[in-house]
PDB file of N, CA and C in Angstrom:
ATOM      1  N   MET A   1       3.910 -11.821   4.167  1.00  0.00           N
ATOM      2  CA  MET A   1       3.967 -11.205   3.159  1.00  0.00           C
ATOM      3  C   MET A   1       5.585 -10.934   2.398  1.00  0.00           C
ATOM      4  N   SER A   2       5.416 -10.938   0.931  1.00  0.00           N
ATOM      5  CA  SER A   2       6.871 -10.840   0.576  1.00  0.00           C
ATOM      6  C   SER A   2       6.983  -9.467  -0.012  1.00  0.00           C
ATOM      7  N   LYS A   3       6.557  -8.436   0.111  1.00  0.00           N
ATOM      8  CA  LYS A   3       6.406  -7.334  -0.426  1.00  0.00           C
ATOM      9  C   LYS A   3       7.081  -6.343   1.002  1.00  0.00           C
ATOM     10  N   LEU A   4       7.866  -5.589   0.450  1.00  0.00           N
ATOM     11  CA  LEU A   4       8.769  -4.600   1.320  1.00  0.00           C
ATOM     12  C   LEU A   4       8.662  -2.920   0.921  1.00  0.00           C
ATOM     13  N   PHE A   5       8.405  -2.293   1.959  1.00  0.00           N
ATOM     14  CA  PHE A   5       8.572  -0.885   2.054  1.00  0.00           C
ATOM     15  C   PHE A   5       9.856  -0.342   2.064  1.00  0.00           C
ATOM     16  N   ILE A   6      10.346   0.495   1.436  1.00  0.00           N
ATOM     17  CA  ILE A   6      11.947   0.756   1.313  1.00  0.00           C
ATOM     18  C   ILE A   6      11.338   2.489   1.445  1.00  0.00           C
ATOM     19  N   GLY A   7      12.040   2.853   2.775  1.00  0.00           N
ATOM     20  CA  GLY A   7      11.813   4.400   2.755  1.00  0.00           C
ATOM     21  C   GLY A   7      13.005   5.149   2.885  1.00  0.00           C
ATOM     22  N   GLY A   8      13.278   6.152   2.602  1.00  0.00           N
ATOM     23  CA  GLY A   8      14.638   7.284   2.441  1.00  0.00           C
ATOM     24  C   GLY A   8      15.194   6.962   1.221  1.00  0.00           C
ATOM     25  N   LEU A   9      14.584   6.915   0.172  1.00  0.00           N
ATOM     26  CA  LEU A   9      15.304   6.566  -0.884  1.00  0.00           C
ATOM     27  C   LEU A   9      15.803   7.944  -1.586  1.00  0.00           C
ATOM     28  N   SER A  10      17.183   7.806  -2.179  1.00  0.00           N
ATOM     29  CA  SER A  10      17.965   9.046  -2.825  1.00  0.00           C
ATOM     30  C   SER A  10      16.642   9.157  -4.124  1.00  0.00           C
ATOM     31  N   TRP A  11      16.581  10.669  -4.403  1.00  0.00           N
ATOM     32  CA  TRP A  11      15.832  11.433  -5.501  1.00  0.00           C
ATOM     33  C   TRP A  11      16.259  10.687  -6.952  1.00  0.00           C
ATOM     34  N   HIS A  12      17.464   9.980  -6.802  1.00  0.00           N
ATOM     35  CA  HIS A  12      18.122   9.139  -8.145  1.00  0.00           C
ATOM     36  C   HIS A  12      17.732   7.997  -8.142  1.00  0.00           C
ATOM     37  N   THR A  13      17.060   7.346  -7.239  1.00  0.00           N
ATOM     38  CA  THR A  13      16.837   6.000  -7.053  1.00  0.00           C
ATOM     39  C   THR A  13      15.946   5.813  -8.521  1.00  0.00           C
ATOM     40  N   THR A  14      15.866   4.862  -9.308  1.00  0.00           N
ATOM     41  CA  THR A  14      15.115   4.406 -10.421  1.00  0.00           C
ATOM     42  C   THR A  14      14.498   2.971  -9.874  1.00  0.00           C
ATOM     43  N   ASN A  15      13.548   2.313 -10.399  1.00  0.00           N
ATOM     44  CA  ASN A  15      13.140   1.184 -10.396  1.00  0.00           C
ATOM     45  C   ASN A  15      13.801   0.392 -11.028  1.00  0.00           C
ATOM     46  N   GLU A  16      14.871   0.455 -11.923  1.00  0.00           N
ATOM     47  CA  GLU A  16      15.763  -0.510 -12.256  1.00  0.00           C
ATOM     48  C   GLU A  16      16.860  -0.372 -11.217  1.00  0.00           C
ATOM     49  N   SER A  17      17.340   0.305 -10.261  1.00  0.00           N
ATOM     50  CA  SER A  17      18.699   0.420  -9.730  1.00  0.00           C
ATOM     51  C   SER A  17      17.912  -0.137  -8.252  1.00  0.00           C
ATOM     52  N   LEU A  18      16.600   0.065  -7.831  1.00  0.00           N
ATOM     53  CA  LEU A  18      16.078  -0.487  -7.037  1.00  0.00           C
ATOM     54  C   LEU A  18      15.884  -2.282  -7.221  1.00  0.00           C
ATOM     55  N   ARG A  19      15.748  -2.160  -8.158  1.00  0.00           N
ATOM     56  CA  ARG A  19      15.560  -4.203  -8.421  1.00  0.00           C
ATOM     57  C   ARG A  19      17.170  -4.570  -8.463  1.00  0.00           C
ATOM     58  N   GLU A  20      17.953  -3.894  -9.211  1.00  0.00           N
ATOM     59  CA  GLU A  20      19.510  -4.348  -9.186  1.00  0.00           C
ATOM     60  C   GLU A  20      20.327  -4.731  -7.661  1.00  0.00           C
ATOM     61  N   ALA A  21      19.740  -3.560  -6.465  1.00  0.00           N
ATOM     62  CA  ALA A  21      20.171  -3.738  -5.240  1.00  0.00           C
ATOM     63  C   ALA A  21      19.381  -4.623  -4.457  1.00  0.00           C
ATOM     64  N   PHE A  22      18.514  -5.175  -4.933  1.00  0.00           N
ATOM     65  CA  PHE A  22      17.827  -6.190  -3.955  1.00  0.00           C
ATOM     66  C   PHE A  22      17.727  -7.462  -4.552  1.00  0.00           C
ATOM     67  N   SER A  23      17.837  -7.717  -6.070  1.00  0.00           N
ATOM     68  CA  SER A  23      18.210  -9.073  -6.687  1.00  0.00           C
ATOM     69  C   SER A  23      18.795 -10.193  -6.069  1.00  0.00           C
ATOM     70  N   PRO A  24      20.451  -9.588  -5.657  1.00  0.00           N
ATOM     71  CA  PRO A  24      21.109 -10.506  -5.059  1.00  0.00           C
ATOM     72  C   PRO A  24      20.340 -11.681  -3.969  1.00  0.00           C
ATOM     73  N   TYR A  25      19.217 -11.011  -3.333  1.00  0.00           N
ATOM     74  CA  TYR A  25      18.699 -11.596  -2.290  1.00  0.00           C
ATOM     75  C   TYR A  25      17.522 -12.191  -2.340  1.00  0.00           C
ATOM     76  N   GLY A  26      17.121 -12.608  -3.978  1.00  0.00           N
ATOM     77  CA  GLY A  26      16.009 -13.406  -3.884  1.00  0.00           C
ATOM     78  C   GLY A  26      15.419 -12.874  -5.475  1.00  0.00           C
ATOM     79  N   ASN A  27      14.537 -13.445  -5.989  1.00  0.00           N
ATOM     80  CA  ASN A  27      13.742 -13.277  -7.422  1.00  0.00           C
ATOM     81  C   ASN A  27      12.839 -11.833  -7.209  1.00  0.00           C
ATOM     82  N   VAL A  28      13.342 -10.765  -7.535  1.00  0.00           N
ATOM     83  CA  VAL A  28      12.469  -9.679  -7.179  1.00  0.00           C
ATOM     84  C   VAL A  28      11.463  -9.812  -8.484  1.00  0.00           C
ATOM     85  N   GLU A  29      10.092  -9.804  -8.065  1.00  0.00           N
ATOM     86  CA  GLU A  29       8.910  -9.663  -8.727  1.00  0.00           C
ATOM     87  C   GLU A  29       8.632  -8.426  -9.655  1.00  0.00           C
ATOM     88  N   GLU A  30       8.948  -7.384  -8.583  1.00  0.00           N
ATOM     89  CA  GLU A  30       8.797  -5.993  -8.567  1.00  0.00           C
ATOM     90  C   GLU A  30       9.281  -5.181  -7.932  1.00  0.00           C
ATOM     91  N   ALA A  31       9.614  -3.875  -8.778  1.00  0.00           N
ATOM     92  CA  ALA A  31      10.513  -2.762  -7.865  1.00  0.00           C
ATOM     93  C   ALA A  31       9.798  -1.602  -8.273  1.00  0.00           C
ATOM     94  N   THR A  32       9.264  -0.832  -7.469  1.00  0.00           N
ATOM     95  CA  THR A  32       8.890   0.388  -7.814  1.00  0.00           C
ATOM     96  C   THR A  32       9.464   1.706  -6.884  1.00  0.00           C
ATOM     97  N   VAL A  33       9.616   2.703  -7.984  1.00  0.00           N
ATOM     98  CA  VAL A  33       9.555   3.981  -7.107  1.00  0.00           C
ATOM     99  C   VAL A  33       8.597   4.492  -7.029  1.00  0.00           C
ATOM    100  N   ALA A  34       8.166   5.095  -5.682  1.00  0.00           N
ATOM    101  CA  ALA A  34       6.681   5.907  -6.096  1.00  0.00           C
ATOM    102  C   ALA A  34       6.905   7.457  -6.614  1.00  0.00           C
ATOM    103  N   THR A  35       6.346   7.853  -7.690  1.00  0.00           N
ATOM    104  CA  THR A  35       6.747   9.221  -7.903  1.00  0.00           C
ATOM    105  C   THR A  35       5.301  10.234  -7.843  1.00  0.00           C
ATOM    106  N   ASP A  36       5.590  10.980  -7.744  1.00  0.00           N
ATOM    107  CA  ASP A  36       4.862  12.340  -7.625  1.00  0.00           C
ATOM    108  C   ASP A  36       4.233  12.391  -9.080  1.00  0.00           C
ATOM    109  N   ARG A  37       2.756  12.317  -9.137  1.00  0.00           N
ATOM    110  CA  ARG A  37       1.754  12.240 -10.268  1.00  0.00           C
ATOM    111  C   ARG A  37       2.013  13.642 -11.055  1.00  0.00           C
ATOM    112  N   GLU A  38       2.286  14.651 -10.950  1.00  0.00           N
ATOM    113  CA  GLU A  38       2.412  16.003 -11.205  1.00  0.00           C
ATOM    114  C   GLU A  38       3.709  16.154 -11.902  1.00  0.00           C
ATOM    115  N   THR A  39       4.997  15.972 -11.052  1.00  0.00           N
ATOM    116  CA  THR A  39       6.010  16.292 -11.455  1.00  0.00           C
ATOM    117  C   THR A  39       7.154  15.191 -11.911  1.00  0.00           C
ATOM    118  N   GLY A  40       6.590  13.903 -11.620  1.00  0.00           N
ATOM    119  CA  GLY A  40       7.390  12.492 -11.765  1.00  0.00           C
ATOM    120  C   GLY A  40       8.609  12.218 -11.061  1.00  0.00           C
ATOM    121  N   ARG A  41       8.629  13.085 -10.037  1.00  0.00           N
ATOM    122  CA  ARG A  41       9.841  13.300  -9.212  1.00  0.00           C
ATOM    123  C   ARG A  41       9.811  12.191  -8.235  1.00  0.00           C
ATOM    124  N   SER A  42      10.814  11.453  -7.580  1.00  0.00           N
ATOM    125  CA  SER A  42      10.623  10.549  -6.757  1.00  0.00           C
ATOM    126  C   SER A  42      10.105  11.010  -5.555  1.00  0.00           C
ATOM    127  N   ARG A  43       9.220  10.262  -4.841  1.00  0.00           N
ATOM    128  CA  ARG A  43       8.522  10.584  -3.570  1.00  0.00           C
ATOM    129  C   ARG A  43       9.602  10.035  -2.542  1.00  0.00           C
ATOM    130  N   GLY A  44      10.632   9.694  -2.556  1.00  0.00           N
ATOM    131  CA  GLY A  44      11.796   9.138  -1.616  1.00  0.00           C
ATOM    132  C   GLY A  44      11.529   7.904  -0.777  1.00  0.00           C
ATOM    133  N   PHE A  45      10.395   7.215  -1.607  1.00  0.00           N
ATOM    134  CA  PHE A  45      10.019   6.058  -1.232  1.00  0.00           C
ATOM    135  C   PHE A  45       9.668   4.889  -2.279  1.00  0.00           C
ATOM    136  N   GLY A  46       9.584   3.211  -2.133  1.00  0.00           N
ATOM    137  CA  GLY A  46       9.339   2.577  -3.095  1.00  0.00           C
ATOM    138  C   GLY A  46       8.880   1.066  -2.412  1.00  0.00           C
ATOM    139  N   PHE A  47       8.733   0.205  -3.148  1.00  0.00           N
ATOM    140  CA  PHE A  47       8.289  -1.064  -3.022  1.00  0.00           C
ATOM    141  C   PHE A  47       8.994  -2.102  -3.434  1.00  0.00           C
ATOM    142  N   VAL A  48       9.614  -3.380  -2.843  1.00  0.00           N
ATOM    143  CA  VAL A  48       9.973  -4.551  -3.630  1.00  0.00           C
ATOM    144  C   VAL A  48       9.462  -5.847  -3.305  1.00  0.00           C
ATOM    145  N   LYS A  49       8.822  -6.367  -4.109  1.00  0.00           N
ATOM    146  CA  LYS A  49       8.322  -7.894  -4.002  1.00  0.00           C
ATOM    147  C   LYS A  49       8.927  -8.778  -4.715  1.00  0.00           C
ATOM    148  N   PHE A  50       9.028  -9.682  -3.659  1.00  0.00           N
ATOM    149  CA  PHE A  50       9.836 -10.902  -4.022  1.00  0.00           C
ATOM    150  C   PHE A  50       9.090 -12.087  -4.042  1.00  0.00           C
ATOM    151  N   SER A  51       9.648 -13.220  -4.558  1.00  0.00           N
ATOM    152  CA  SER A  51       8.218 -14.338  -4.873  1.00  0.00           C
ATOM    153  C   SER A  51       8.146 -14.935  -3.616  1.00  0.00           C
ATOM    154  N   THR A  52       9.137 -14.865  -2.594  1.00  0.00           N
ATOM    155  CA  THR A  52       8.906 -15.643  -1.221  1.00  0.00           C
ATOM    156  C   THR A  52       9.086 -14.848  -0.044  1.00  0.00           C
ATOM    157  N   GLU A  53       8.452 -15.249   1.038  1.00  0.00           N
ATOM    158  CA  GLU A  53       8.321 -14.512   2.114  1.00  0.00           C
ATOM    159  C   GLU A  53      10.192 -14.239   2.663  1.00  0.00           C
ATOM    160  N   GLU A  54      10.652 -15.782   2.540  1.00  0.00           N
ATOM    161  CA  GLU A  54      12.092 -16.001   2.974  1.00  0.00           C
ATOM    162  C   GLU A  54      12.671 -14.875   2.444  1.00  0.00           C
ATOM    163  N   GLU A  55      12.923 -14.622   0.904  1.00  0.00           N
ATOM    164  CA  GLU A  55      13.501 -13.864   0.058  1.00  0.00           C
ATOM    165  C   GLU A  55      13.270 -12.421   0.688  1.00  0.00           C
ATOM    166  N   ALA A  56      12.073 -11.908   1.254  1.00  0.00           N
ATOM    167  CA  ALA A  56      11.949 -10.831   1.630  1.00  0.00           C
ATOM    168  C   ALA A  56      12.592 -10.343   2.708  1.00  0.00           C
ATOM    169  N   GLU A  57      12.471 -11.613   3.863  1.00  0.00           N
ATOM    170  CA  GLU A  57      13.056 -11.252   5.026  1.00  0.00           C
ATOM    171  C   GLU A  57      14.700 -11.256   4.688  1.00  0.00           C
ATOM    172  N   ASN A  58      15.090 -11.907   4.138  1.00  0.00           N
ATOM    173  CA  ASN A  58      16.597 -11.946   3.963  1.00  0.00           C
ATOM    174  C   ASN A  58      17.078 -10.569   3.395  1.00  0.00           C
ATOM    175  N   ALA A  59      16.573 -10.059   2.632  1.00  0.00           N
ATOM    176  CA  ALA A  59      16.897  -8.901   2.438  1.00  0.00           C
ATOM    177  C   ALA A  59      16.681  -7.805   3.085  1.00  0.00           C
ATOM    178  N   MET A  60      15.419  -7.759   4.072  1.00  0.00           N
ATOM    179  CA  MET A  60      15.241  -6.832   4.959  1.00  0.00           C
ATOM    180  C   MET A  60      16.192  -6.849   5.894  1.00  0.00           C
ATOM    181  N   ALA A  61      16.691  -7.985   5.957  1.00  0.00           N
ATOM    182  CA  ALA A  61      17.911  -8.503   7.057  1.00  0.00           C
ATOM    183  C   ALA A  61      19.293  -8.015   6.801  1.00  0.00           C
ATOM    184  N   GLU A  62      19.410  -8.172   5.375  1.00  0.00           N
ATOM    185  CA  GLU A  62      20.775  -7.622   5.232  1.00  0.00           C
ATOM    186  C   GLU A  62      20.881  -5.982   4.536  1.00  0.00           C
ATOM    187  N   LEU A  63      19.736  -5.434   3.845  1.00  0.00           N
ATOM    188  CA  LEU A  63      19.892  -4.078   3.469  1.00  0.00           C
ATOM    189  C   LEU A  63      19.194  -3.052   4.315  1.00  0.00           C
ATOM    190  N   ASN A  64      18.470  -2.962   5.716  1.00  0.00           N
ATOM    191  CA  ASN A  64      17.882  -2.094   6.585  1.00  0.00           C
ATOM    192  C   ASN A  64      18.963  -1.330   7.216  1.00  0.00           C
ATOM    193  N   GLU A  65      18.798   0.008   7.156  1.00  0.00           N
ATOM    194  CA  GLU A  65      19.652   0.708   7.824  1.00  0.00           C
ATOM    195  C   GLU A  65      21.270   0.724   6.602  1.00  0.00           C
ATOM    196  N   LYS A  66      21.268   0.384   5.455  1.00  0.00           N
ATOM    197  CA  LYS A  66      22.385   0.434   4.761  1.00  0.00           C
ATOM    198  C   LYS A  66      22.095   1.458   3.678  1.00  0.00           C
ATOM    199  N   GLU A  67      23.246   1.848   3.127  1.00  0.00           N
ATOM    200  CA  GLU A  67      23.530   2.669   1.961  1.00  0.00           C
ATOM    201  C   GLU A  67      23.011   2.394   0.954  1.00  0.00           C
ATOM    202  N   LEU A  68      22.149   3.084  -0.062  1.00  0.00           N
ATOM    203  CA  LEU A  68      21.768   2.903  -1.188  1.00  0.00           C
ATOM    204  C   LEU A  68      21.526   4.030  -1.954  1.00  0.00           C
ATOM    205  N   ASP A  69      22.504   4.430  -2.883  1.00  0.00           N
ATOM    206  CA  ASP A  69      22.485   5.443  -3.595  1.00  0.00           C
ATOM    207  C   ASP A  69      22.908   7.037  -2.808  1.00  0.00           C
ATOM    208  N   GLY A  70      23.922   6.289  -1.804  1.00  0.00           N
ATOM    209  CA  GLY A  70      24.014   7.785  -1.287  1.00  0.00           C
ATOM    210  C   GLY A  70      23.033   8.063   0.093  1.00  0.00           C
ATOM    211  N   ARG A  71      22.130   7.416   0.216  1.00  0.00           N
ATOM    212  CA  ARG A  71      21.269   7.542   1.345  1.00  0.00           C
ATOM    213  C   ARG A  71      21.064   6.055   2.214  1.00  0.00           C
ATOM    214  N   THR A  72      20.725   6.452   3.493  1.00  0.00           N
ATOM    215  CA  THR A  72      20.422   5.235   4.448  1.00  0.00           C
ATOM    216  C   THR A  72      19.245   4.799   4.373  1.00  0.00           C
ATOM    217  N   VAL A  73      18.741   3.626   3.836  1.00  0.00           N
ATOM    218  CA  VAL A  73      17.149   3.264   3.521  1.00  0.00           C
ATOM    219  C   VAL A  73      16.814   2.287   4.883  1.00  0.00           C
ATOM    220  N   ARG A  74      15.676   2.860   4.947  1.00  0.00           N
ATOM    221  CA  ARG A  74      14.831   1.802   6.154  1.00  0.00           C
ATOM    222  C   ARG A  74      13.753   0.731   5.373  1.00  0.00           C
ATOM    223  N   ILE A  75      13.770  -0.377   6.015  1.00  0.00           N
ATOM    224  CA  ILE A  75      13.084  -1.314   4.937  1.00  0.00           C
ATOM    225  C   ILE A  75      11.835  -2.067   6.546  1.00  0.00           C
ATOM    226  N   ASP A  76      10.802  -2.147   5.948  1.00  0.00           N
ATOM    227  CA  ASP A  76       9.632  -2.496   6.517  1.00  0.00           C
ATOM    228  C   ASP A  76       8.886  -3.491   5.819  1.00  0.00           C
ATOM    229  N   LYS A  77       8.090  -4.250   6.520  1.00  0.00           N
ATOM    230  CA  LYS A  77       7.437  -5.207   5.844  1.00  0.00           C
ATOM    231  C   LYS A  77       5.893  -4.274   5.144  1.00  0.00           C
ATOM    232  N   ALA A  78       5.344  -4.476   3.990  1.00  0.00           N
ATOM    233  CA  ALA A  78       4.487  -3.419   3.563  1.00  0.00           C
ATOM    234  C   ALA A  78       3.573  -3.887   3.880  1.00  0.00           C
ATOM    235  N   THR A  79       2.466  -2.933   4.279  1.00  0.00           N
ATOM    236  CA  THR A  79       1.226  -3.482   4.941  1.00  0.00           C
ATOM    237  C   THR A  79       0.306  -2.714   3.595  1.00  0.00           C
ATOM    238  N   GLU A  80      -0.931  -3.739   3.366  1.00  0.00           N
ATOM    239  CA  GLU A  80      -2.002  -3.629   2.237  1.00  0.00           C
ATOM    240  C   GLU A  80      -2.659  -2.318   2.959  1.00  0.00           C
ATOM    241  N   ARG A  81      -2.998  -1.284   1.747  1.00  0.00           N
ATOM    242  CA  ARG A  81      -3.880  -0.355   1.678  1.00  0.00           C
ATOM    243  C   ARG A  81      -5.377  -0.932   1.620  1.00  0.00           C
ATOM    244  N   GLY A  82      -5.840  -0.105   2.967  1.00  0.00           N
ATOM    245  CA  GLY A  82      -7.277  -0.052   2.980  1.00  0.00           C
ATOM    246  C   GLY A  82      -8.231   0.002   1.836  1.00  0.00           C
ATOM    247  N   GLY A  83      -8.921  -0.447   1.383  1.00  0.00           N
ATOM    248  CA  GLY A  83      -9.433  -0.123  -0.073  1.00  0.00           C
ATOM    249  C   GLY A  83     -10.737   1.084   0.437  1.00  0.00           C
ATOM    250  N   GLY A  84     -10.716   2.024  -0.692  1.00  0.00           N
ATOM    251  CA  GLY A  84     -11.718   2.989  -0.667  1.00  0.00           C
ATOM    252  C   GLY A  84     -11.712   4.081   0.510  1.00  0.00           C
ATOM    253  N   GLY A  85     -12.061   5.332   0.086  1.00  0.00           N
ATOM    254  CA  GLY A  85     -12.281   6.140   1.268  1.00  0.00           C
ATOM    255  C   GLY A  85     -13.716   6.241   1.591  1.00  0.00           C
ATOM    256  N   GLY A  86     -14.296   5.508   2.294  1.00  0.00           N
ATOM    257  CA  GLY A  86     -15.308   5.480   2.910  1.00  0.00           C
ATOM    258  C   GLY A  86     -15.801   6.427   4.002  1.00  0.00           C
ATOM    259  N   ARG A  87     -16.830   6.913   4.546  1.00  0.00           N
ATOM    260  CA  ARG A  87     -17.273   8.167   5.433  1.00  0.00           C
ATOM    261  C   ARG A  87     -17.886   7.575   6.554  1.00  0.00           C
TER     262      ARG A  87
END
């Protein structure tokens, strides 16, 4: 999978700054900071999707446990969320 989970983001990190931080490692198709639906404030994590698995792995190797916007970020491969909340 070419999508990464980025944890430990600064409250000041934006979609654009996340994209800028990861773009040197490959073609970023999507960069999203998760925000609270009510307040619009960052939830401290986000996702970055690359064109290829190789680009994602390279970015993870280079940026995991590195500083971004004053905070040390943790990077993992994103896992697909299971659909629906069945009983």
